[in-house]
Amino acid sequence: MIPIYDENRTGIKPVVTLSLIVINVVVFIYQLLLQPPKNLYFVYLFGFVPYLFSEAPFEHLYSLVTSMFLHGGFFHIMGNMVYLYIFGDNVEAAFRRIPFLVFYLFCGVLAALTHFILNVSSKIPTIGASGAISGVLGAYLVLYPRARIVSLVYLGWGYTFTRVSAKTFILFWFFYQFILILLGEQSGVAYWAHIGGFLAGLVIALVLKRKLLEDLSVLVGGDYV
């Protein structure tokens, strides 16, 4: 299933979500403008390399964050930004702007650390926003399980549009990550980072759910920070 949009409008301008998308796109364009071998050096410098982190963790702490803003290709960044655009605004509305940014980065860091625990000796840079966005999906599942997601689905003979609940869509996505892990998918995707980020977002949202939804229900005008 490919998400197209959600039928869950908040009425709040998602400043942080849109800013994150812009930053990711700008960094990606910069990557494209770099000539070899500078582009590869850039990825190794700002991507998260488990082996380097294990050797000198304090020297490479920054890469836990910077790696979230690098991407490996057009389809990589396009897929991530579509998910962030569809699900990020609603989670931002519940958390509010600054706490949402902290939440997003925290989920991304935990996603990278999950990958690190299982791949300590890997010298391959891990890049992409999907770990942090997985955390957004976990929070969305907790906060808006009955929201409708309009999705493009392949049925074997062609594609069609369908409306499914956020609960169905996100749980399908989550278990699909496990299926790919069990099948030994060798696509270079850090699926365990997705799992780690998702569970981080899920747990945080579960702990804060009552307060988040109460605050959201009374948010009418006024300051939104």
N, C-alpha and C. Protein backbone atom coordinates (compact mmCIF):
# COMPACT_ATOMS: atom_id res chain seq x y z
N MET A 1 0.84 -1.20 0.00
CA MET A 1 0.00 0.00 0.00
C MET A 1 0.88 1.25 0.00
N ILE A 2 0.52 2.18 -0.85
CA ILE A 2 1.23 3.46 -0.91
C ILE A 2 0.27 4.55 -0.43
N PRO A 3 0.60 5.25 0.65
CA PRO A 3 -0.32 6.29 1.16
C PRO A 3 -0.36 7.49 0.22
N ILE A 4 -1.55 8.01 0.00
CA ILE A 4 -1.72 9.19 -0.84
C ILE A 4 -2.02 10.42 0.02
N TYR A 5 -2.97 10.27 0.93
CA TYR A 5 -3.25 11.33 1.91
C TYR A 5 -4.14 10.74 3.00
N ASP A 6 -4.24 11.46 4.12
CA ASP A 6 -5.12 11.01 5.19
C ASP A 6 -6.30 11.96 5.31
N GLU A 7 -7.42 11.43 5.75
CA GLU A 7 -8.63 12.23 5.92
C GLU A 7 -8.72 12.67 7.39
N ASN A 8 -7.70 13.38 7.83
CA ASN A 8 -7.59 13.74 9.24
C ASN A 8 -6.98 15.13 9.33
N ARG A 9 -7.80 16.14 9.12
CA ARG A 9 -7.33 17.52 9.11
C ARG A 9 -7.34 18.11 10.51
N THR A 10 -6.26 18.83 10.85
CA THR A 10 -6.14 19.41 12.19
C THR A 10 -6.46 20.91 12.20
N GLY A 11 -6.29 21.58 11.07
CA GLY A 11 -6.50 23.02 11.03
C GLY A 11 -5.28 23.78 11.54
N ILE A 12 -4.23 23.05 11.89
CA ILE A 12 -3.00 23.66 12.39
C ILE A 12 -1.94 23.62 11.29
N LYS A 13 -1.25 24.74 11.09
CA LYS A 13 -0.19 24.76 10.09
C LYS A 13 1.02 23.98 10.63
N PRO A 14 1.42 22.91 9.95
CA PRO A 14 2.51 22.06 10.46
C PRO A 14 3.88 22.65 10.13
N VAL A 15 4.26 23.68 10.84
CA VAL A 15 5.49 24.41 10.54
C VAL A 15 6.72 23.52 10.64
N VAL A 16 6.80 22.72 11.70
CA VAL A 16 7.97 21.88 11.90
C VAL A 16 8.04 20.79 10.84
N THR A 17 6.92 20.15 10.57
CA THR A 17 6.88 19.10 9.55
C THR A 17 7.33 19.63 8.20
N LEU A 18 6.79 20.77 7.81
CA LEU A 18 7.16 21.36 6.52
C LEU A 18 8.63 21.79 6.51
N SER A 19 9.10 22.31 7.65
CA SER A 19 10.50 22.73 7.75
C SER A 19 11.44 21.54 7.61
N LEU A 20 11.08 20.42 8.24
CA LEU A 20 11.90 19.21 8.14
C LEU A 20 11.96 18.72 6.70
N ILE A 21 10.83 18.80 6.00
CA ILE A 21 10.80 18.39 4.60
C ILE A 21 11.72 19.28 3.76
N VAL A 22 11.64 20.58 3.98
CA VAL A 22 12.48 21.52 3.23
C VAL A 22 13.95 21.26 3.50
N ILE A 23 14.32 21.07 4.76
CA ILE A 23 15.73 20.82 5.11
C ILE A 23 16.23 19.55 4.44
N ASN A 24 15.43 18.49 4.49
CA ASN A 24 15.82 17.23 3.86
C ASN A 24 16.02 17.40 2.35
N VAL A 25 15.12 18.13 1.71
CA VAL A 25 15.22 18.33 0.27
C VAL A 25 16.44 19.17 -0.08
N VAL A 26 16.69 20.22 0.69
CA VAL A 26 17.85 21.08 0.43
C VAL A 26 19.15 20.30 0.58
N VAL A 27 19.25 19.49 1.64
CA VAL A 27 20.45 18.68 1.85
C VAL A 27 20.62 17.68 0.71
N PHE A 28 19.51 17.10 0.26
CA PHE A 28 19.59 16.13 -0.84
C PHE A 28 20.07 16.79 -2.12
N ILE A 29 19.58 17.97 -2.40
CA ILE A 29 20.03 18.70 -3.59
C ILE A 29 21.52 19.00 -3.49
N TYR A 30 21.97 19.37 -2.29
CA TYR A 30 23.39 19.62 -2.08
C TYR A 30 24.21 18.35 -2.35
N GLN A 31 23.69 17.19 -1.88
CA GLN A 31 24.36 15.92 -2.15
C GLN A 31 24.50 15.68 -3.65
N LEU A 32 23.44 15.99 -4.39
CA LEU A 32 23.46 15.76 -5.83
C LEU A 32 24.48 16.64 -6.54
N LEU A 33 24.73 17.81 -5.97
CA LEU A 33 25.66 18.75 -6.59
C LEU A 33 27.11 18.41 -6.32
N LEU A 34 27.35 17.57 -5.32
CA LEU A 34 28.71 17.18 -5.00
C LEU A 34 29.25 16.19 -6.04
N GLN A 35 30.48 16.38 -6.43
CA GLN A 35 31.12 15.50 -7.41
C GLN A 35 31.90 14.40 -6.68
N PRO A 36 31.99 13.21 -7.29
CA PRO A 36 32.80 12.14 -6.69
C PRO A 36 34.27 12.61 -6.60
N PRO A 37 34.99 12.27 -5.51
CA PRO A 37 34.54 11.44 -4.39
C PRO A 37 33.96 12.25 -3.23
N LYS A 38 33.74 13.56 -3.45
CA LYS A 38 33.25 14.41 -2.36
C LYS A 38 31.89 13.95 -1.85
N ASN A 39 31.04 13.45 -2.76
CA ASN A 39 29.70 13.01 -2.33
C ASN A 39 29.80 11.81 -1.40
N LEU A 40 30.72 10.89 -1.69
CA LEU A 40 30.91 9.73 -0.83
C LEU A 40 31.49 10.13 0.51
N TYR A 41 32.45 11.06 0.49
CA TYR A 41 33.05 11.54 1.72
C TYR A 41 31.99 12.23 2.60
N PHE A 42 31.11 12.97 1.97
CA PHE A 42 30.04 13.68 2.68
C PHE A 42 29.14 12.68 3.42
N VAL A 43 28.80 11.58 2.76
CA VAL A 43 27.95 10.56 3.36
C VAL A 43 28.65 9.88 4.53
N TYR A 44 29.94 9.57 4.36
CA TYR A 44 30.68 8.93 5.45
C TYR A 44 30.91 9.89 6.62
N LEU A 45 31.02 11.17 6.32
CA LEU A 45 31.26 12.16 7.37
C LEU A 45 30.01 12.42 8.21
N PHE A 46 28.86 12.52 7.54
CA PHE A 46 27.64 12.88 8.25
C PHE A 46 26.65 11.73 8.40
N GLY A 47 26.90 10.61 7.72
CA GLY A 47 26.08 9.42 7.94
C GLY A 47 26.48 8.73 9.24
N PHE A 48 25.65 7.81 9.69
CA PHE A 48 25.93 7.08 10.93
C PHE A 48 26.60 5.75 10.58
N VAL A 49 27.88 5.63 10.95
CA VAL A 49 28.65 4.42 10.66
C VAL A 49 28.85 3.66 11.98
N PRO A 50 28.18 2.53 12.17
CA PRO A 50 28.27 1.79 13.44
C PRO A 50 29.70 1.53 13.91
N TYR A 51 30.57 1.10 12.99
CA TYR A 51 31.94 0.78 13.37
C TYR A 51 32.67 2.00 13.95
N LEU A 52 32.53 3.14 13.29
CA LEU A 52 33.18 4.36 13.78
C LEU A 52 32.60 4.79 15.12
N PHE A 53 31.29 4.63 15.27
CA PHE A 53 30.64 5.01 16.52
C PHE A 53 31.11 4.11 17.67
N SER A 54 31.31 2.83 17.38
CA SER A 54 31.78 1.91 18.41
C SER A 54 33.22 2.20 18.82
N GLU A 55 34.02 2.70 17.88
CA GLU A 55 35.42 3.01 18.15
C GLU A 55 35.58 4.32 18.91
N ALA A 56 34.78 5.31 18.57
CA ALA A 56 34.89 6.63 19.21
C ALA A 56 33.50 7.26 19.29
N PRO A 57 32.68 6.79 20.23
CA PRO A 57 31.27 7.24 20.28
C PRO A 57 31.09 8.74 20.47
N PHE A 58 31.90 9.36 21.32
CA PHE A 58 31.71 10.78 21.58
C PHE A 58 32.10 11.64 20.38
N GLU A 59 33.05 11.14 19.59
CA GLU A 59 33.46 11.89 18.41
C GLU A 59 32.43 11.81 17.28
N HIS A 60 31.56 10.82 17.36
CA HIS A 60 30.59 10.62 16.28
C HIS A 60 29.13 10.73 16.75
N LEU A 61 28.93 11.34 17.92
CA LEU A 61 27.57 11.53 18.42
C LEU A 61 26.72 12.33 17.44
N TYR A 62 27.34 13.34 16.84
CA TYR A 62 26.62 14.22 15.92
C TYR A 62 25.95 13.45 14.78
N SER A 63 26.59 12.34 14.37
CA SER A 63 26.08 11.58 13.22
C SER A 63 24.74 10.92 13.50
N LEU A 64 24.40 10.74 14.78
CA LEU A 64 23.08 10.20 15.13
C LEU A 64 21.97 11.12 14.64
N VAL A 65 22.27 12.41 14.57
CA VAL A 65 21.28 13.40 14.11
C VAL A 65 21.48 13.74 12.64
N THR A 66 22.72 14.02 12.24
CA THR A 66 22.95 14.46 10.86
C THR A 66 22.56 13.39 9.85
N SER A 67 22.70 12.12 10.23
CA SER A 67 22.37 11.03 9.30
C SER A 67 20.91 11.03 8.90
N MET A 68 20.05 11.63 9.74
CA MET A 68 18.61 11.67 9.44
C MET A 68 18.29 12.56 8.24
N PHE A 69 19.21 13.44 7.88
CA PHE A 69 18.93 14.42 6.84
C PHE A 69 19.63 14.12 5.53
N LEU A 70 20.24 12.93 5.43
CA LEU A 70 20.88 12.49 4.19
C LEU A 70 20.04 11.38 3.57
N HIS A 71 20.07 11.29 2.25
CA HIS A 71 19.32 10.23 1.56
C HIS A 71 20.12 9.66 0.40
N GLY A 72 19.80 8.43 0.06
CA GLY A 72 20.59 7.70 -0.91
C GLY A 72 20.11 7.78 -2.34
N GLY A 73 19.02 8.46 -2.60
CA GLY A 73 18.52 8.56 -3.96
C GLY A 73 17.16 9.22 -4.00
N PHE A 74 16.66 9.46 -5.20
CA PHE A 74 15.40 10.17 -5.37
C PHE A 74 14.23 9.42 -4.74
N PHE A 75 14.12 8.13 -5.00
CA PHE A 75 12.99 7.37 -4.47
C PHE A 75 13.09 7.24 -2.94
N HIS A 76 14.32 7.22 -2.44
CA HIS A 76 14.52 7.15 -0.99
C HIS A 76 13.94 8.38 -0.31
N ILE A 77 14.33 9.56 -0.78
CA ILE A 77 13.85 10.78 -0.14
C ILE A 77 12.37 11.02 -0.45
N MET A 78 11.94 10.69 -1.65
CA MET A 78 10.54 10.91 -2.01
C MET A 78 9.62 10.08 -1.12
N GLY A 79 9.95 8.80 -0.93
CA GLY A 79 9.12 7.95 -0.06
C GLY A 79 9.08 8.46 1.35
N ASN A 80 10.24 8.84 1.89
CA ASN A 80 10.28 9.34 3.27
C ASN A 80 9.48 10.62 3.43
N MET A 81 9.64 11.54 2.49
CA MET A 81 8.95 12.83 2.63
C MET A 81 7.44 12.70 2.45
N VAL A 82 7.00 11.77 1.62
CA VAL A 82 5.56 11.53 1.47
C VAL A 82 4.97 11.06 2.80
N TYR A 83 5.65 10.12 3.44
CA TYR A 83 5.17 9.62 4.74
C TYR A 83 5.20 10.74 5.79
N LEU A 84 6.27 11.53 5.80
CA LEU A 84 6.37 12.60 6.78
C LEU A 84 5.28 13.64 6.56
N TYR A 85 5.00 13.96 5.31
CA TYR A 85 3.97 14.95 5.00
C TYR A 85 2.58 14.46 5.40
N ILE A 86 2.29 13.21 5.14
CA ILE A 86 0.95 12.67 5.43
C ILE A 86 0.71 12.49 6.92
N PHE A 87 1.69 11.95 7.64
CA PHE A 87 1.48 11.61 9.04
C PHE A 87 2.06 12.63 10.03
N GLY A 88 3.01 13.45 9.57
CA GLY A 88 3.68 14.36 10.49
C GLY A 88 2.81 15.48 11.02
N ASP A 89 1.94 16.03 10.17
CA ASP A 89 1.17 17.20 10.61
C ASP A 89 0.26 16.88 11.79
N ASN A 90 -0.37 15.70 11.78
CA ASN A 90 -1.28 15.33 12.86
C ASN A 90 -0.54 15.07 14.16
N VAL A 91 0.62 14.44 14.07
CA VAL A 91 1.40 14.18 15.27
C VAL A 91 1.98 15.50 15.80
N GLU A 92 2.37 16.38 14.91
CA GLU A 92 2.84 17.70 15.33
C GLU A 92 1.73 18.47 16.04
N ALA A 93 0.51 18.36 15.54
CA ALA A 93 -0.62 19.05 16.17
C ALA A 93 -0.84 18.57 17.58
N ALA A 94 -0.65 17.28 17.81
CA ALA A 94 -0.86 16.73 19.15
C ALA A 94 0.27 17.10 20.10
N PHE A 95 1.50 17.03 19.62
CA PHE A 95 2.66 17.32 20.48
C PHE A 95 2.91 18.81 20.63
N ARG A 96 2.54 19.59 19.63
CA ARG A 96 2.91 20.98 19.45
C ARG A 96 4.33 21.06 18.93
N ARG A 97 4.68 22.21 18.39
CA ARG A 97 5.84 22.33 17.52
C ARG A 97 7.17 21.91 18.14
N ILE A 98 7.58 22.58 19.20
CA ILE A 98 8.90 22.30 19.76
C ILE A 98 8.97 20.89 20.33
N PRO A 99 7.98 20.45 21.12
CA PRO A 99 8.03 19.07 21.61
C PRO A 99 8.02 18.05 20.46
N PHE A 100 7.33 18.36 19.37
CA PHE A 100 7.31 17.44 18.23
C PHE A 100 8.70 17.31 17.62
N LEU A 101 9.40 18.42 17.49
CA LEU A 101 10.75 18.38 16.94
C LEU A 101 11.66 17.52 17.81
N VAL A 102 11.56 17.70 19.14
CA VAL A 102 12.35 16.89 20.07
C VAL A 102 11.98 15.41 19.93
N PHE A 103 10.68 15.15 19.84
CA PHE A 103 10.19 13.78 19.69
C PHE A 103 10.72 13.15 18.40
N TYR A 104 10.67 13.88 17.31
CA TYR A 104 11.12 13.40 16.02
C TYR A 104 12.59 13.03 16.05
N LEU A 105 13.41 13.93 16.57
CA LEU A 105 14.85 13.69 16.63
C LEU A 105 15.17 12.54 17.59
N PHE A 106 14.45 12.48 18.70
CA PHE A 106 14.68 11.41 19.68
C PHE A 106 14.39 10.04 19.07
N CYS A 107 13.30 9.93 18.35
CA CYS A 107 12.95 8.66 17.69
C CYS A 107 14.01 8.29 16.66
N GLY A 108 14.51 9.29 15.95
CA GLY A 108 15.56 9.03 14.96
C GLY A 108 16.84 8.53 15.60
N VAL A 109 17.19 9.11 16.74
CA VAL A 109 18.39 8.67 17.46
C VAL A 109 18.23 7.24 17.96
N LEU A 110 17.08 6.93 18.55
CA LEU A 110 16.85 5.57 19.04
C LEU A 110 16.81 4.57 17.89
N ALA A 111 16.32 5.00 16.75
CA ALA A 111 16.32 4.12 15.58
C ALA A 111 17.75 3.78 15.17
N ALA A 112 18.61 4.79 15.13
CA ALA A 112 20.01 4.56 14.77
C ALA A 112 20.71 3.67 15.79
N LEU A 113 20.41 3.87 17.07
CA LEU A 113 21.03 3.05 18.11
C LEU A 113 20.55 1.60 18.04
N THR A 114 19.29 1.40 17.65
CA THR A 114 18.79 0.04 17.47
C THR A 114 19.57 -0.66 16.36
N HIS A 115 19.78 0.06 15.28
CA HIS A 115 20.58 -0.49 14.17
C HIS A 115 22.01 -0.77 14.64
N PHE A 116 22.54 0.13 15.44
CA PHE A 116 23.91 -0.02 15.94
C PHE A 116 24.08 -1.28 16.78
N ILE A 117 23.14 -1.53 17.68
CA ILE A 117 23.22 -2.69 18.57
C ILE A 117 23.32 -3.99 17.78
N LEU A 118 22.63 -4.05 16.65
CA LEU A 118 22.59 -5.27 15.85
C LEU A 118 23.63 -5.29 14.73
N ASN A 119 24.35 -4.18 14.55
CA ASN A 119 25.33 -4.10 13.46
C ASN A 119 26.56 -3.32 13.92
N VAL A 120 27.11 -3.68 15.06
CA VAL A 120 28.20 -2.92 15.66
C VAL A 120 29.41 -2.79 14.75
N SER A 121 29.72 -3.83 14.02
CA SER A 121 30.94 -3.83 13.21
C SER A 121 30.73 -3.34 11.78
N SER A 122 29.53 -2.91 11.45
CA SER A 122 29.25 -2.47 10.08
C SER A 122 29.98 -1.17 9.75
N LYS A 123 30.59 -1.13 8.58
CA LYS A 123 31.27 0.07 8.11
C LYS A 123 30.47 0.80 7.04
N ILE A 124 29.22 0.39 6.88
CA ILE A 124 28.33 1.00 5.89
C ILE A 124 27.56 2.15 6.54
N PRO A 125 27.60 3.35 5.97
CA PRO A 125 26.86 4.47 6.54
C PRO A 125 25.35 4.24 6.50
N THR A 126 24.69 4.55 7.59
CA THR A 126 23.23 4.51 7.65
C THR A 126 22.73 5.93 7.49
N ILE A 127 21.86 6.15 6.52
CA ILE A 127 21.34 7.49 6.26
C ILE A 127 19.84 7.42 6.01
N GLY A 128 19.17 8.55 6.20
CA GLY A 128 17.74 8.62 5.91
C GLY A 128 16.90 9.00 7.11
N ALA A 129 15.73 9.55 6.82
CA ALA A 129 14.82 10.01 7.86
C ALA A 129 13.84 8.94 8.31
N SER A 130 13.93 7.74 7.74
CA SER A 130 12.89 6.74 7.99
C SER A 130 12.80 6.29 9.44
N GLY A 131 13.93 6.29 10.18
CA GLY A 131 13.86 5.91 11.58
C GLY A 131 13.01 6.88 12.38
N ALA A 132 13.23 8.18 12.17
CA ALA A 132 12.44 9.20 12.85
C ALA A 132 10.98 9.16 12.39
N ILE A 133 10.78 8.98 11.09
CA ILE A 133 9.41 8.92 10.56
C ILE A 133 8.68 7.69 11.06
N SER A 134 9.40 6.61 11.29
CA SER A 134 8.79 5.41 11.89
C SER A 134 8.23 5.74 13.27
N GLY A 135 8.96 6.59 14.01
CA GLY A 135 8.45 7.04 15.31
C GLY A 135 7.17 7.83 15.17
N VAL A 136 7.09 8.64 14.11
CA VAL A 136 5.87 9.41 13.83
C VAL A 136 4.71 8.45 13.55
N LEU A 137 4.98 7.38 12.82
CA LEU A 137 3.94 6.39 12.53
C LEU A 137 3.46 5.72 13.82
N GLY A 138 4.40 5.40 14.71
CA GLY A 138 4.02 4.79 15.98
C GLY A 138 3.11 5.69 16.78
N ALA A 139 3.42 6.98 16.81
CA ALA A 139 2.59 7.94 17.55
C ALA A 139 1.23 8.11 16.87
N TYR A 140 1.21 8.14 15.55
CA TYR A 140 -0.04 8.29 14.81
C TYR A 140 -0.97 7.12 15.11
N LEU A 141 -0.41 5.92 15.17
CA LEU A 141 -1.21 4.73 15.48
C LEU A 141 -1.90 4.86 16.82
N VAL A 142 -1.20 5.39 17.80
CA VAL A 142 -1.76 5.55 19.14
C VAL A 142 -2.81 6.65 19.19
N LEU A 143 -2.52 7.77 18.54
CA LEU A 143 -3.36 8.96 18.66
C LEU A 143 -4.55 8.99 17.70
N TYR A 144 -4.39 8.41 16.50
CA TYR A 144 -5.45 8.48 15.49
C TYR A 144 -5.69 7.12 14.82
N PRO A 145 -5.97 6.09 15.58
CA PRO A 145 -6.10 4.75 14.98
C PRO A 145 -7.25 4.61 14.00
N ARG A 146 -8.30 5.43 14.15
CA ARG A 146 -9.47 5.31 13.28
C ARG A 146 -9.47 6.29 12.10
N ALA A 147 -8.41 7.10 12.01
CA ALA A 147 -8.31 8.01 10.86
C ALA A 147 -8.23 7.20 9.57
N ARG A 148 -8.75 7.76 8.50
CA ARG A 148 -8.75 7.06 7.22
C ARG A 148 -7.57 7.49 6.36
N ILE A 149 -6.89 6.48 5.80
CA ILE A 149 -5.75 6.72 4.91
C ILE A 149 -6.13 6.29 3.50
N VAL A 150 -6.14 7.21 2.57
CA VAL A 150 -6.40 6.87 1.17
C VAL A 150 -5.10 6.34 0.59
N SER A 151 -5.14 5.11 0.09
CA SER A 151 -3.92 4.43 -0.35
C SER A 151 -4.06 3.85 -1.75
N LEU A 152 -2.92 3.71 -2.41
CA LEU A 152 -2.86 3.05 -3.71
C LEU A 152 -2.42 1.61 -3.47
N VAL A 153 -3.23 0.66 -3.91
CA VAL A 153 -2.98 -0.75 -3.64
C VAL A 153 -2.84 -1.53 -4.93
N TYR A 154 -1.84 -2.39 -4.99
CA TYR A 154 -1.64 -3.27 -6.15
C TYR A 154 -2.37 -4.58 -5.91
N LEU A 155 -3.26 -4.97 -6.81
CA LEU A 155 -4.09 -6.16 -6.64
C LEU A 155 -3.65 -7.34 -7.49
N GLY A 156 -2.55 -7.21 -8.20
CA GLY A 156 -2.08 -8.30 -9.03
C GLY A 156 -2.31 -8.04 -10.51
N TRP A 157 -3.43 -7.43 -10.82
CA TRP A 157 -3.75 -7.11 -12.22
C TRP A 157 -3.75 -5.60 -12.47
N GLY A 158 -3.56 -4.84 -11.43
CA GLY A 158 -3.54 -3.39 -11.58
C GLY A 158 -3.62 -2.70 -10.23
N TYR A 159 -3.62 -1.38 -10.27
CA TYR A 159 -3.67 -0.58 -9.05
C TYR A 159 -5.08 -0.02 -8.85
N THR A 160 -5.42 0.19 -7.59
CA THR A 160 -6.69 0.82 -7.27
C THR A 160 -6.53 1.63 -5.99
N PHE A 161 -7.43 2.60 -5.81
CA PHE A 161 -7.41 3.39 -4.60
C PHE A 161 -8.38 2.79 -3.58
N THR A 162 -7.98 2.85 -2.33
CA THR A 162 -8.85 2.35 -1.27
C THR A 162 -8.65 3.16 0.00
N ARG A 163 -9.64 3.14 0.87
CA ARG A 163 -9.57 3.83 2.16
C ARG A 163 -9.45 2.79 3.25
N VAL A 164 -8.41 2.90 4.06
CA VAL A 164 -8.22 1.98 5.17
C VAL A 164 -7.98 2.78 6.44
N SER A 165 -8.23 2.16 7.58
CA SER A 165 -7.98 2.85 8.84
C SER A 165 -6.48 2.99 9.05
N ALA A 166 -6.08 4.00 9.81
CA ALA A 166 -4.67 4.17 10.11
C ALA A 166 -4.13 2.96 10.85
N LYS A 167 -4.97 2.37 11.70
CA LYS A 167 -4.56 1.17 12.43
C LYS A 167 -4.19 0.05 11.47
N THR A 168 -5.03 -0.18 10.48
CA THR A 168 -4.76 -1.24 9.49
C THR A 168 -3.52 -0.93 8.67
N PHE A 169 -3.41 0.30 8.20
CA PHE A 169 -2.30 0.69 7.34
C PHE A 169 -0.97 0.58 8.08
N ILE A 170 -0.90 1.15 9.29
CA ILE A 170 0.37 1.22 10.02
C ILE A 170 0.79 -0.15 10.54
N LEU A 171 -0.17 -0.94 11.01
CA LEU A 171 0.18 -2.29 11.47
C LEU A 171 0.65 -3.15 10.31
N PHE A 172 0.03 -2.96 9.15
CA PHE A 172 0.50 -3.67 7.95
C PHE A 172 1.94 -3.27 7.65
N TRP A 173 2.22 -1.97 7.70
CA TRP A 173 3.57 -1.49 7.45
C TRP A 173 4.55 -2.08 8.46
N PHE A 174 4.16 -2.10 9.73
CA PHE A 174 5.04 -2.59 10.80
C PHE A 174 5.39 -4.06 10.61
N PHE A 175 4.39 -4.89 10.38
CA PHE A 175 4.65 -6.32 10.23
C PHE A 175 5.37 -6.62 8.91
N TYR A 176 5.20 -5.76 7.93
CA TYR A 176 5.92 -5.93 6.67
C TYR A 176 7.43 -5.78 6.88
N GLN A 177 7.81 -4.90 7.82
CA GLN A 177 9.23 -4.75 8.13
C GLN A 177 9.78 -6.06 8.68
N PHE A 178 9.02 -6.72 9.56
CA PHE A 178 9.45 -7.99 10.13
C PHE A 178 9.55 -9.08 9.06
N ILE A 179 8.59 -9.07 8.15
CA ILE A 179 8.61 -10.07 7.07
C ILE A 179 9.88 -9.93 6.25
N LEU A 180 10.25 -8.70 5.92
CA LEU A 180 11.45 -8.46 5.14
C LEU A 180 12.70 -8.89 5.90
N ILE A 181 12.69 -8.68 7.21
CA ILE A 181 13.82 -9.11 8.04
C ILE A 181 13.92 -10.63 8.04
N LEU A 182 12.79 -11.30 8.22
CA LEU A 182 12.77 -12.76 8.28
C LEU A 182 13.15 -13.39 6.94
N LEU A 183 12.82 -12.69 5.85
CA LEU A 183 13.15 -13.20 4.52
C LEU A 183 14.60 -12.91 4.15
N GLY A 184 15.27 -12.16 5.03
CA GLY A 184 16.66 -11.84 4.75
C GLY A 184 16.81 -10.87 3.61
N GLU A 185 15.92 -9.90 3.53
CA GLU A 185 15.95 -8.90 2.46
C GLU A 185 17.30 -8.19 2.43
N GLN A 186 17.93 -8.21 1.29
CA GLN A 186 19.27 -7.62 1.13
C GLN A 186 19.22 -6.34 0.29
N SER A 187 18.36 -5.44 0.65
CA SER A 187 18.21 -4.22 -0.13
C SER A 187 19.05 -3.06 0.40
N GLY A 188 19.77 -3.29 1.50
CA GLY A 188 20.54 -2.22 2.10
C GLY A 188 19.71 -1.32 2.99
N VAL A 189 18.47 -1.70 3.27
CA VAL A 189 17.59 -0.92 4.14
C VAL A 189 17.76 -1.38 5.58
N ALA A 190 17.88 -0.41 6.50
CA ALA A 190 18.06 -0.72 7.92
C ALA A 190 16.69 -0.95 8.57
N TYR A 191 16.14 -2.14 8.35
CA TYR A 191 14.78 -2.41 8.83
C TYR A 191 14.69 -2.39 10.36
N TRP A 192 15.75 -2.81 11.04
CA TRP A 192 15.70 -2.78 12.50
C TRP A 192 15.66 -1.35 13.03
N ALA A 193 16.21 -0.41 12.27
CA ALA A 193 16.09 1.00 12.65
C ALA A 193 14.63 1.44 12.58
N HIS A 194 13.91 0.95 11.57
CA HIS A 194 12.49 1.25 11.45
C HIS A 194 11.74 0.72 12.68
N ILE A 195 12.06 -0.51 13.07
CA ILE A 195 11.41 -1.12 14.23
C ILE A 195 11.70 -0.32 15.49
N GLY A 196 12.97 0.03 15.68
CA GLY A 196 13.34 0.79 16.87
C GLY A 196 12.68 2.14 16.94
N GLY A 197 12.66 2.87 15.83
CA GLY A 197 12.02 4.18 15.80
C GLY A 197 10.52 4.07 16.04
N PHE A 198 9.90 3.07 15.42
CA PHE A 198 8.45 2.87 15.56
C PHE A 198 8.09 2.60 17.02
N LEU A 199 8.80 1.69 17.66
CA LEU A 199 8.50 1.35 19.05
C LEU A 199 8.74 2.52 19.99
N ALA A 200 9.76 3.32 19.69
CA ALA A 200 10.02 4.51 20.50
C ALA A 200 8.84 5.47 20.42
N GLY A 201 8.37 5.75 19.20
CA GLY A 201 7.24 6.64 19.03
C GLY A 201 5.97 6.09 19.65
N LEU A 202 5.77 4.79 19.52
CA LEU A 202 4.58 4.14 20.07
C LEU A 202 4.54 4.27 21.59
N VAL A 203 5.65 3.98 22.24
CA VAL A 203 5.71 4.01 23.71
C VAL A 203 5.54 5.44 24.23
N ILE A 204 6.23 6.39 23.60
CA ILE A 204 6.12 7.78 24.04
C ILE A 204 4.69 8.27 23.91
N ALA A 205 4.05 7.96 22.79
CA ALA A 205 2.66 8.38 22.58
C ALA A 205 1.71 7.71 23.55
N LEU A 206 1.95 6.45 23.86
CA LEU A 206 1.11 5.75 24.83
C LEU A 206 1.20 6.41 26.21
N VAL A 207 2.41 6.77 26.60
CA VAL A 207 2.62 7.40 27.91
C VAL A 207 1.95 8.77 27.97
N LEU A 208 2.01 9.52 26.88
CA LEU A 208 1.50 10.89 26.85
C LEU A 208 0.11 11.03 26.23
N LYS A 209 -0.48 9.92 25.83
CA LYS A 209 -1.71 9.96 25.02
C LYS A 209 -2.80 10.83 25.63
N ARG A 210 -3.11 10.60 26.87
CA ARG A 210 -4.23 11.31 27.49
C ARG A 210 -4.02 12.82 27.47
N LYS A 211 -2.83 13.25 27.87
CA LYS A 211 -2.53 14.68 27.89
C LYS A 211 -2.51 15.26 26.49
N LEU A 212 -1.92 14.55 25.55
CA LEU A 212 -1.83 15.05 24.18
C LEU A 212 -3.20 15.27 23.57
N LEU A 213 -4.08 14.30 23.75
CA LEU A 213 -5.42 14.41 23.17
C LEU A 213 -6.26 15.46 23.89
N GLU A 214 -6.08 15.60 25.20
CA GLU A 214 -6.80 16.63 25.94
C GLU A 214 -6.36 18.02 25.49
N ASP A 215 -5.05 18.21 25.35
CA ASP A 215 -4.54 19.51 24.90
C ASP A 215 -5.00 19.81 23.48
N LEU A 216 -5.02 18.81 22.64
CA LEU A 216 -5.43 19.00 21.26
C LEU A 216 -6.90 19.39 21.16
N SER A 217 -7.70 18.80 22.02
CA SER A 217 -9.15 19.06 21.97
C SER A 217 -9.52 20.49 22.39
N VAL A 218 -8.66 21.13 23.18
CA VAL A 218 -8.97 22.49 23.64
C VAL A 218 -8.14 23.53 22.91
N LEU A 219 -7.37 23.09 21.90
CA LEU A 219 -6.52 24.03 21.16
C LEU A 219 -7.37 24.80 20.16
N VAL A 220 -7.71 26.02 20.52
CA VAL A 220 -8.50 26.88 19.64
C VAL A 220 -7.84 28.25 19.64
N GLY A 221 -7.09 28.55 18.55
CA GLY A 221 -6.41 29.82 18.48
C GLY A 221 -5.30 29.92 19.52
N GLY A 222 -4.86 31.14 19.79
CA GLY A 222 -3.81 31.35 20.77
C GLY A 222 -2.45 30.93 20.26
N ASP A 223 -1.49 30.93 21.16
CA ASP A 223 -0.13 30.58 20.79
C ASP A 223 -0.01 29.08 20.58
N TYR A 224 0.80 28.71 19.60
CA TYR A 224 1.02 27.30 19.29
C TYR A 224 2.52 27.09 19.16
N VAL A 225 3.14 26.60 20.23
CA VAL A 225 4.61 26.45 20.23
C VAL A 225 5.00 25.08 20.74
